[in-house]
């Protein structure tokens, strides 16, 4: 486990802060200025970039990769081989799955082992947000700055800047980098928080 200091009472601004009840495998890497809260589990081979926050009871699976400044809230489950870019938000109790065809046993009744199924991951782009109790069914890609509403079940890829809601999740609008839904503005869209203008193209939404 790569950390600078695990004592939460004597932590420098550059150190990773890991609470005593957290379970961080020695083979995991935790970036500087990151915090791992009570009862969280970080498995072997996982890589957390600098400035990440892992909430109480959250689970980060083996070889999962998080970029800079990600937030994984309490009791969220991020299963391998998920890939999260910089600034991703995972809400409380959200789940990123990794098995397209889940079964506990093989057809002969024997317990499945690691060799009896293929891991598939969820990929999440820069700045995207996954709401509380949402479920992302692997393999899906959530685009940069997209927002998945609380309780949604994502079964197909989500474009950059899209807002998706429901079961199964469907797009209902566009969202800016500030996290606010965009308003129609002439032929394009405008962020009510920043004033940034966007336009739709064949490949999706982009800044004007």
Protein backbone atom coordinates (compact mmCIF):
# COMPACT_ATOMS: atom_id res chain seq x y z
CA UNK A 1 0.00 0.00 0.00
CA UNK A 2 1.49 3.32 -1.02
CA UNK A 3 0.66 6.07 1.47
CA UNK A 4 2.63 8.78 3.19
CA UNK A 5 0.99 8.65 6.61
CA UNK A 6 -1.84 6.52 7.99
CA UNK A 7 -2.24 8.28 11.34
CA UNK A 8 -5.35 10.50 11.08
CA UNK A 9 -4.22 12.55 14.08
CA UNK A 10 -0.86 13.43 12.57
CA UNK A 11 -1.46 13.91 8.87
CA UNK A 12 0.29 16.43 6.66
CA UNK A 13 -1.42 18.24 3.79
CA UNK A 14 0.35 15.94 1.33
CA UNK A 15 -0.43 12.67 3.11
CA UNK A 16 -3.17 10.16 2.51
CA UNK A 17 -5.51 9.94 5.48
CA UNK A 18 -6.70 6.39 6.18
CA UNK A 19 -8.96 5.80 9.15
CA UNK A 20 -7.96 2.91 11.43
CA UNK A 21 -11.06 0.81 10.68
CA UNK A 22 -10.53 0.97 6.89
CA UNK A 23 -9.18 -2.15 5.16
CA UNK A 24 -6.60 -1.10 2.58
CA UNK A 25 -4.63 -3.91 0.94
CA UNK A 26 -0.84 -3.52 0.96
CA UNK A 27 -0.91 -3.84 -2.84
CA UNK A 28 -3.22 -0.85 -3.32
CA UNK A 29 -2.02 2.67 -4.15
CA UNK A 30 -3.63 5.64 -2.45
CA UNK A 31 -2.72 9.07 -3.80
CA UNK A 32 -1.66 12.01 -1.66
CA UNK A 33 -4.35 14.20 -0.10
CA UNK A 34 -6.79 11.28 -0.34
CA UNK A 35 -9.05 10.17 2.52
CA UNK A 36 -10.35 6.65 3.17
CA UNK A 37 -13.08 6.69 5.81
CA UNK A 38 -14.25 4.12 8.37
CA UNK A 39 -14.92 0.55 7.23
CA UNK A 40 -14.09 1.21 3.59
CA UNK A 41 -12.27 -1.57 1.72
CA UNK A 42 -9.65 -0.97 -0.97
CA UNK A 43 -8.59 -4.21 -2.66
CA UNK A 44 -5.25 -5.31 -4.07
CA UNK A 45 -4.01 -3.52 -7.17
CA UNK A 46 -6.52 -0.67 -6.86
CA UNK A 47 -5.14 2.76 -7.74
CA UNK A 48 -6.57 5.96 -6.30
CA UNK A 49 -5.31 9.23 -7.70
CA UNK A 50 -4.51 12.23 -5.49
CA UNK A 51 -7.30 14.05 -3.71
CA UNK A 52 -9.82 11.18 -3.67
CA UNK A 53 -12.40 10.61 -0.93
CA UNK A 54 -13.69 7.11 -0.20
CA UNK A 55 -16.71 7.14 2.13
CA UNK A 56 -17.67 4.94 5.02
CA UNK A 57 -18.24 1.30 4.05
CA UNK A 58 -17.43 1.84 0.36
CA UNK A 59 -15.81 -0.95 -1.64
CA UNK A 60 -13.14 -0.51 -4.34
CA UNK A 61 -12.39 -3.78 -6.14
CA UNK A 62 -9.06 -5.25 -7.27
CA UNK A 63 -7.27 -3.23 -9.99
CA UNK A 64 -9.99 -0.56 -10.11
CA UNK A 65 -8.50 2.78 -11.18
CA UNK A 66 -9.69 6.19 -9.97
CA UNK A 67 -8.33 9.45 -11.33
CA UNK A 68 -7.73 12.66 -9.41
CA UNK A 69 -10.26 14.18 -7.02
CA UNK A 70 -12.88 11.43 -7.23
CA UNK A 71 -15.54 11.06 -4.54
CA UNK A 72 -17.00 7.65 -3.74
CA UNK A 73 -19.73 8.12 -1.15
CA UNK A 74 -20.79 5.86 1.74
CA UNK A 75 -21.48 2.20 0.93
CA UNK A 76 -20.98 2.55 -2.82
CA UNK A 77 -19.66 -0.58 -4.55
CA UNK A 78 -17.15 -0.18 -7.38
CA UNK A 79 -16.35 -3.59 -8.82
CA UNK A 80 -13.35 -4.44 -10.94
CA UNK A 81 -12.31 -3.62 -13.61
CA UNK A 82 -14.03 -0.21 -13.39
CA UNK A 83 -12.16 2.86 -14.67
CA UNK A 84 -13.03 6.31 -13.32
CA UNK A 85 -11.51 9.45 -14.83
CA UNK A 86 -10.71 12.64 -12.90
CA UNK A 87 -13.41 14.30 -10.82
CA UNK A 88 -15.97 11.48 -10.88
CA UNK A 89 -18.70 11.44 -8.20
CA UNK A 90 -20.25 8.14 -7.07
CA UNK A 91 -23.28 8.65 -4.82
CA UNK A 92 -24.20 6.73 -1.67
CA UNK A 93 -24.96 3.04 -2.20
CA UNK A 94 -24.46 3.26 -5.98
CA UNK A 95 -23.22 0.07 -7.67
CA UNK A 96 -20.93 -0.46 -10.66
CA UNK A 97 -21.33 -4.11 -11.65
CA UNK A 98 -18.90 -6.43 -13.43
CA UNK A 99 -20.77 -9.57 -14.54
CA UNK A 100 -23.06 -9.69 -17.60
CA UNK A 101 -24.46 -13.12 -16.81
CA UNK A 102 -24.31 -13.59 -13.02
CA UNK A 103 -24.62 -17.05 -11.54
CA UNK A 104 -23.29 -18.48 -8.28
CA UNK A 105 -22.91 -21.98 -9.77
CA UNK A 106 -22.06 -23.67 -13.05
CA UNK A 107 -24.60 -25.81 -14.90
CA UNK A 108 -23.28 -28.88 -13.08
CA UNK A 109 -24.03 -27.26 -9.73
CA UNK A 110 -20.40 -26.57 -8.83
CA UNK A 111 -19.51 -23.23 -7.33
CA UNK A 112 -18.21 -20.78 -9.91
CA UNK A 113 -14.57 -19.75 -9.57
CA UNK A 114 -12.67 -16.79 -10.97
CA UNK A 115 -11.96 -18.86 -14.09
CA UNK A 116 -15.66 -19.50 -14.80
CA UNK A 117 -16.71 -15.97 -15.75
CA UNK A 118 -15.37 -12.90 -17.51
CA UNK A 119 -15.10 -9.57 -15.70
CA UNK A 120 -16.46 -6.57 -17.60
CA UNK A 121 -16.18 -3.06 -16.28
CA UNK A 122 -17.92 0.30 -16.14
CA UNK A 123 -16.01 3.26 -17.58
CA UNK A 124 -16.84 6.77 -16.37
CA UNK A 125 -15.59 9.97 -18.02
CA UNK A 126 -14.22 13.13 -16.47
CA UNK A 127 -16.52 14.97 -14.07
CA UNK A 128 -19.48 12.61 -14.42
CA UNK A 129 -21.83 12.00 -11.49
CA UNK A 130 -23.65 8.80 -10.51
CA UNK A 131 -26.59 9.43 -8.16
CA UNK A 132 -27.45 7.66 -4.92
CA UNK A 133 -28.47 4.01 -5.33
CA UNK A 134 -28.03 4.13 -9.09
CA UNK A 135 -26.81 0.93 -10.75
CA UNK A 136 -24.53 0.88 -13.80
CA UNK A 137 -24.70 -2.50 -15.53
CA UNK A 138 -21.35 -3.41 -17.08
CA UNK A 139 -20.14 -3.03 -19.70
CA UNK A 140 -21.31 0.57 -20.10
CA UNK A 141 -19.54 3.88 -20.58
CA UNK A 142 -20.77 7.03 -18.85
CA UNK A 143 -19.60 10.09 -20.79
CA UNK A 144 -17.72 13.09 -19.42
CA UNK A 145 -19.81 15.48 -17.28
CA UNK A 146 -22.89 13.28 -17.62
CA UNK A 147 -25.33 12.89 -14.71
CA UNK A 148 -27.06 9.64 -13.79
CA UNK A 149 -30.07 10.35 -11.56
CA UNK A 150 -30.54 8.73 -8.17
CA UNK A 151 -32.04 5.26 -8.46
CA UNK A 152 -31.49 4.98 -12.21
CA UNK A 153 -30.42 1.69 -13.81
CA UNK A 154 -28.01 2.28 -16.67
CA UNK A 155 -28.02 -0.49 -19.29
CA UNK A 156 -26.47 1.33 -22.26
CA UNK A 157 -23.82 3.97 -22.88
CA UNK A 158 -24.52 7.55 -21.77
CA UNK A 159 -23.26 10.44 -23.97
CA UNK A 160 -21.10 13.27 -22.65
CA UNK A 161 -23.20 15.89 -20.79
CA UNK A 162 -26.37 13.77 -20.86
CA UNK A 163 -28.84 13.56 -17.97
CA UNK A 164 -30.39 10.11 -17.66
CA UNK A 165 -33.17 8.96 -15.32
CA UNK A 166 -35.36 5.94 -14.70
CA UNK A 167 -35.34 2.16 -15.08
CA UNK A 168 -33.91 1.54 -17.57
CA UNK A 169 -32.23 4.92 -17.74
CA UNK A 170 -33.19 7.25 -20.60
CA UNK A 171 -31.91 10.68 -21.54
CA UNK A 172 -34.09 13.63 -20.50
CA UNK A 173 -31.76 16.56 -21.09
CA UNK A 174 -28.25 17.97 -21.05
CA UNK A 175 -26.07 19.07 -18.14
CA UNK A 176 -23.12 21.47 -17.94
CA UNK A 177 -19.82 21.12 -16.14
CA UNK A 178 -21.30 22.92 -13.11
CA UNK A 179 -23.81 20.09 -12.70
CA UNK A 180 -26.86 22.21 -13.58
CA UNK A 181 -29.30 21.18 -16.32
CA UNK A 182 -28.83 23.30 -19.44
CA UNK A 183 -31.51 25.66 -20.73
CA UNK A 184 -32.41 26.05 -24.38
CA UNK A 185 -30.73 29.15 -25.80
CA UNK A 186 -31.35 29.96 -29.46
CA UNK A 187 -30.13 27.03 -31.53
CA UNK A 188 -28.09 25.66 -28.62
CA UNK A 189 -27.94 25.38 -24.86
CA UNK A 190 -26.79 27.59 -21.98
CA UNK A 191 -25.59 26.74 -18.45
CA UNK A 192 -27.62 28.77 -15.91
CA UNK A 193 -24.74 28.72 -13.43
CA UNK A 194 -21.78 29.74 -15.61
CA UNK A 195 -23.34 31.14 -18.80
CA UNK A 196 -21.32 28.67 -20.87
CA UNK A 197 -22.91 27.96 -24.26
CA UNK A 198 -23.10 24.52 -25.85
CA UNK A 199 -24.22 23.22 -29.22
CA UNK A 200 -25.37 19.82 -30.42
CA UNK A 201 -23.31 18.05 -33.06
CA UNK A 202 -23.49 14.65 -34.70
CA UNK A 203 -21.17 13.33 -32.00
CA UNK A 204 -23.09 14.89 -29.08
CA UNK A 205 -22.83 18.12 -27.12
CA UNK A 206 -19.80 20.41 -27.13
CA UNK A 207 -18.91 23.92 -26.06
CA UNK A 208 -19.75 26.70 -28.51
